[in-house]
Amino acid sequence: MHAARLSRSPRLKRVHEMLRDGTERSTLEIITGARVCAVNACIAELRANGAEIACRQVRDPATGGRLWLYRMVRSVPPSVQGEGMS
């Protein structure tokens, strides 16, 4: 997989900023809050940039369906966040 660099990707920056506080968020919350489509791809790219992101699956009490929840354990290192910036 070719991962985008956080420093050059507004899409990844939005997801990173949303997860940065360590709050657990669902796929739908990330889709609507960060305006992205492929949350799993964004998570994989953030991990490739050095972030540690926990993921777990739970049952939605309302529908019985599956929910994926993501929580940032460790942010992308500052040296990678500002890569290529002056």
N, C-alpha and C. Protein backbone atom coordinates (compact mmCIF):
# COMPACT_ATOMS: atom_id res chain seq x y z
N MET A 1 0.84 -1.18 0.00
CA MET A 1 0.00 0.00 0.00
C MET A 1 0.89 1.24 0.00
N HIS A 2 0.51 2.22 -0.78
CA HIS A 2 1.20 3.51 -0.77
C HIS A 2 0.39 4.46 0.10
N ALA A 3 0.93 4.79 1.25
CA ALA A 3 0.22 5.67 2.19
C ALA A 3 0.56 7.12 1.92
N ALA A 4 -0.45 7.97 1.96
CA ALA A 4 -0.23 9.41 1.83
C ALA A 4 0.52 9.91 3.06
N ARG A 5 1.30 10.94 2.90
CA ARG A 5 1.98 11.57 4.03
C ARG A 5 1.00 12.51 4.71
N LEU A 6 0.98 12.44 6.02
CA LEU A 6 0.09 13.32 6.79
C LEU A 6 0.33 14.78 6.45
N SER A 7 1.60 15.15 6.31
CA SER A 7 1.94 16.55 6.06
C SER A 7 1.38 17.08 4.74
N ARG A 8 1.03 16.18 3.82
CA ARG A 8 0.56 16.61 2.50
C ARG A 8 -0.87 16.20 2.19
N SER A 9 -1.58 15.69 3.19
CA SER A 9 -2.93 15.19 2.93
C SER A 9 -3.98 15.85 3.83
N PRO A 10 -4.76 16.78 3.28
CA PRO A 10 -5.84 17.38 4.07
C PRO A 10 -6.81 16.35 4.61
N ARG A 11 -7.05 15.29 3.86
CA ARG A 11 -7.96 14.22 4.27
C ARG A 11 -7.43 13.54 5.54
N LEU A 12 -6.16 13.15 5.53
CA LEU A 12 -5.58 12.51 6.71
C LEU A 12 -5.48 13.48 7.88
N LYS A 13 -5.19 14.74 7.59
CA LYS A 13 -5.13 15.74 8.67
C LYS A 13 -6.47 15.86 9.39
N ARG A 14 -7.57 15.81 8.64
CA ARG A 14 -8.90 15.91 9.26
C ARG A 14 -9.18 14.72 10.17
N VAL A 15 -8.84 13.52 9.71
CA VAL A 15 -9.07 12.32 10.53
C VAL A 15 -8.15 12.35 11.75
N HIS A 16 -6.89 12.70 11.54
CA HIS A 16 -5.92 12.77 12.65
C HIS A 16 -6.39 13.75 13.71
N GLU A 17 -6.83 14.91 13.30
CA GLU A 17 -7.29 15.92 14.24
C GLU A 17 -8.52 15.44 15.01
N MET A 18 -9.40 14.74 14.33
CA MET A 18 -10.62 14.25 14.98
C MET A 18 -10.32 13.19 16.05
N LEU A 19 -9.33 12.33 15.78
CA LEU A 19 -9.01 11.24 16.70
C LEU A 19 -7.99 11.63 17.76
N ARG A 20 -7.35 12.74 17.56
CA ARG A 20 -6.22 13.16 18.40
C ARG A 20 -6.52 13.22 19.90
N ASP A 21 -7.75 13.50 20.28
CA ASP A 21 -8.09 13.65 21.70
C ASP A 21 -8.23 12.31 22.43
N GLY A 22 -8.12 11.19 21.69
CA GLY A 22 -8.19 9.88 22.31
C GLY A 22 -9.59 9.35 22.56
N THR A 23 -10.60 10.10 22.14
CA THR A 23 -11.98 9.66 22.29
C THR A 23 -12.28 8.57 21.26
N GLU A 24 -12.98 7.54 21.68
CA GLU A 24 -13.37 6.47 20.78
C GLU A 24 -14.48 6.97 19.86
N ARG A 25 -14.31 6.74 18.56
CA ARG A 25 -15.29 7.20 17.57
C ARG A 25 -15.66 6.07 16.61
N SER A 26 -16.91 6.08 16.19
CA SER A 26 -17.39 5.07 15.25
C SER A 26 -17.01 5.46 13.82
N THR A 27 -17.12 4.48 12.94
CA THR A 27 -16.87 4.73 11.52
C THR A 27 -17.75 5.88 11.02
N LEU A 28 -19.03 5.85 11.36
CA LEU A 28 -19.95 6.90 10.91
C LEU A 28 -19.56 8.27 11.45
N GLU A 29 -19.16 8.33 12.70
CA GLU A 29 -18.73 9.62 13.27
C GLU A 29 -17.53 10.18 12.51
N ILE A 30 -16.60 9.31 12.13
CA ILE A 30 -15.42 9.76 11.39
C ILE A 30 -15.81 10.18 9.98
N ILE A 31 -16.68 9.42 9.34
CA ILE A 31 -17.14 9.77 7.99
C ILE A 31 -17.76 11.16 7.98
N THR A 32 -18.66 11.41 8.91
CA THR A 32 -19.36 12.70 8.92
C THR A 32 -18.50 13.82 9.50
N GLY A 33 -17.73 13.53 10.52
CA GLY A 33 -16.94 14.57 11.17
C GLY A 33 -15.72 15.02 10.39
N ALA A 34 -15.06 14.06 9.70
CA ALA A 34 -13.85 14.39 8.95
C ALA A 34 -14.10 14.46 7.44
N ARG A 35 -15.33 14.18 7.03
CA ARG A 35 -15.71 14.23 5.61
C ARG A 35 -14.81 13.32 4.76
N VAL A 36 -14.75 12.04 5.15
CA VAL A 36 -14.00 11.04 4.40
C VAL A 36 -14.91 9.86 4.09
N CYS A 37 -14.49 9.03 3.15
CA CYS A 37 -15.31 7.87 2.79
C CYS A 37 -14.73 6.57 3.34
N ALA A 38 -13.50 6.27 3.02
CA ALA A 38 -12.90 4.99 3.37
C ALA A 38 -12.13 5.11 4.69
N VAL A 39 -12.85 4.99 5.79
CA VAL A 39 -12.25 5.17 7.11
C VAL A 39 -11.15 4.15 7.34
N ASN A 40 -11.38 2.89 6.98
CA ASN A 40 -10.35 1.87 7.22
C ASN A 40 -9.06 2.20 6.48
N ALA A 41 -9.15 2.77 5.29
CA ALA A 41 -7.96 3.16 4.54
C ALA A 41 -7.24 4.33 5.22
N CYS A 42 -8.02 5.29 5.72
CA CYS A 42 -7.42 6.42 6.44
C CYS A 42 -6.69 5.94 7.69
N ILE A 43 -7.29 5.01 8.40
CA ILE A 43 -6.67 4.46 9.61
C ILE A 43 -5.36 3.77 9.25
N ALA A 44 -5.38 2.97 8.18
CA ALA A 44 -4.16 2.27 7.74
C ALA A 44 -3.07 3.28 7.36
N GLU A 45 -3.45 4.37 6.70
CA GLU A 45 -2.47 5.37 6.30
C GLU A 45 -1.91 6.13 7.51
N LEU A 46 -2.77 6.43 8.48
CA LEU A 46 -2.28 7.08 9.69
C LEU A 46 -1.32 6.16 10.44
N ARG A 47 -1.62 4.88 10.47
CA ARG A 47 -0.71 3.92 11.10
C ARG A 47 0.62 3.88 10.36
N ALA A 48 0.59 3.94 9.03
CA ALA A 48 1.82 3.95 8.24
C ALA A 48 2.64 5.21 8.50
N ASN A 49 1.98 6.27 8.95
CA ASN A 49 2.66 7.53 9.31
C ASN A 49 3.16 7.51 10.75
N GLY A 50 2.89 6.44 11.49
CA GLY A 50 3.40 6.31 12.85
C GLY A 50 2.39 6.39 13.97
N ALA A 51 1.12 6.60 13.65
CA ALA A 51 0.09 6.66 14.70
C ALA A 51 -0.22 5.25 15.20
N GLU A 52 -0.59 5.18 16.45
CA GLU A 52 -1.10 3.92 17.01
C GLU A 52 -2.59 4.13 17.24
N ILE A 53 -3.40 3.35 16.54
CA ILE A 53 -4.85 3.49 16.61
C ILE A 53 -5.46 2.14 16.97
N ALA A 54 -6.19 2.12 18.09
CA ALA A 54 -6.88 0.92 18.52
C ALA A 54 -8.21 0.83 17.79
N CYS A 55 -8.62 -0.39 17.52
CA CYS A 55 -9.87 -0.63 16.80
C CYS A 55 -10.58 -1.80 17.47
N ARG A 56 -11.88 -1.66 17.65
CA ARG A 56 -12.65 -2.78 18.18
C ARG A 56 -14.03 -2.79 17.56
N GLN A 57 -14.60 -3.97 17.58
CA GLN A 57 -15.93 -4.17 17.01
C GLN A 57 -16.91 -4.43 18.16
N VAL A 58 -18.07 -3.77 18.09
CA VAL A 58 -19.12 -3.97 19.09
C VAL A 58 -20.46 -4.15 18.37
N ARG A 59 -21.44 -4.60 19.10
CA ARG A 59 -22.80 -4.71 18.56
C ARG A 59 -23.56 -3.42 18.85
N ASP A 60 -24.26 -2.93 17.85
CA ASP A 60 -25.11 -1.76 18.02
C ASP A 60 -26.34 -2.21 18.80
N PRO A 61 -26.56 -1.64 20.00
CA PRO A 61 -27.71 -2.08 20.79
C PRO A 61 -29.06 -1.81 20.11
N ALA A 62 -29.10 -0.81 19.26
CA ALA A 62 -30.36 -0.45 18.61
C ALA A 62 -30.71 -1.40 17.47
N THR A 63 -29.69 -1.80 16.69
CA THR A 63 -29.97 -2.59 15.49
C THR A 63 -29.43 -4.01 15.55
N GLY A 64 -28.50 -4.26 16.46
CA GLY A 64 -27.86 -5.57 16.51
C GLY A 64 -26.74 -5.72 15.49
N GLY A 65 -26.54 -4.67 14.68
CA GLY A 65 -25.48 -4.69 13.68
C GLY A 65 -24.11 -4.45 14.29
N ARG A 66 -23.09 -4.57 13.47
CA ARG A 66 -21.72 -4.36 13.93
C ARG A 66 -21.32 -2.89 13.83
N LEU A 67 -20.60 -2.43 14.82
CA LEU A 67 -20.01 -1.09 14.81
C LEU A 67 -18.51 -1.23 14.99
N TRP A 68 -17.75 -0.47 14.23
CA TRP A 68 -16.31 -0.42 14.41
C TRP A 68 -15.99 0.89 15.12
N LEU A 69 -15.20 0.79 16.17
CA LEU A 69 -14.80 1.96 16.96
C LEU A 69 -13.30 2.12 16.90
N TYR A 70 -12.86 3.37 16.73
CA TYR A 70 -11.44 3.69 16.61
C TYR A 70 -11.04 4.69 17.68
N ARG A 71 -9.83 4.50 18.24
CA ARG A 71 -9.32 5.41 19.26
C ARG A 71 -7.83 5.57 19.05
N MET A 72 -7.37 6.83 18.99
CA MET A 72 -5.94 7.08 18.83
C MET A 72 -5.25 6.91 20.17
N VAL A 73 -4.30 6.00 20.21
CA VAL A 73 -3.53 5.74 21.41
C VAL A 73 -2.29 6.62 21.42
N ARG A 74 -1.66 6.75 20.25
CA ARG A 74 -0.48 7.61 20.10
C ARG A 74 -0.58 8.33 18.76
N SER A 75 -0.42 9.64 18.81
CA SER A 75 -0.52 10.48 17.63
C SER A 75 0.67 10.24 16.68
N VAL A 76 0.54 10.69 15.46
CA VAL A 76 1.65 10.69 14.52
C VAL A 76 2.75 11.57 15.12
N PRO A 77 3.99 11.11 15.12
CA PRO A 77 5.07 11.91 15.70
C PRO A 77 5.16 13.30 15.05
N PRO A 78 5.46 14.32 15.85
CA PRO A 78 5.56 15.69 15.31
C PRO A 78 6.53 15.81 14.14
N SER A 79 7.61 15.04 14.15
CA SER A 79 8.58 15.11 13.06
C SER A 79 7.96 14.67 11.74
N VAL A 80 6.98 13.78 11.79
CA VAL A 80 6.29 13.32 10.57
C VAL A 80 5.16 14.29 10.21
N GLN A 81 4.49 14.84 11.21
CA GLN A 81 3.38 15.77 10.96
C GLN A 81 3.83 16.96 10.15
N GLY A 82 4.99 17.49 10.45
CA GLY A 82 5.47 18.70 9.77
C GLY A 82 6.43 18.44 8.63
N GLU A 83 6.56 17.18 8.24
CA GLU A 83 7.50 16.79 7.18
C GLU A 83 7.26 17.61 5.91
N GLY A 84 8.33 18.14 5.38
CA GLY A 84 8.23 18.88 4.12
C GLY A 84 7.71 20.29 4.27
N MET A 85 7.47 20.74 5.49
CA MET A 85 6.96 22.10 5.70
C MET A 85 8.10 23.00 6.14
N SER A 86 8.04 24.25 5.79
CA SER A 86 9.07 25.18 6.23
C SER A 86 8.61 25.96 7.42
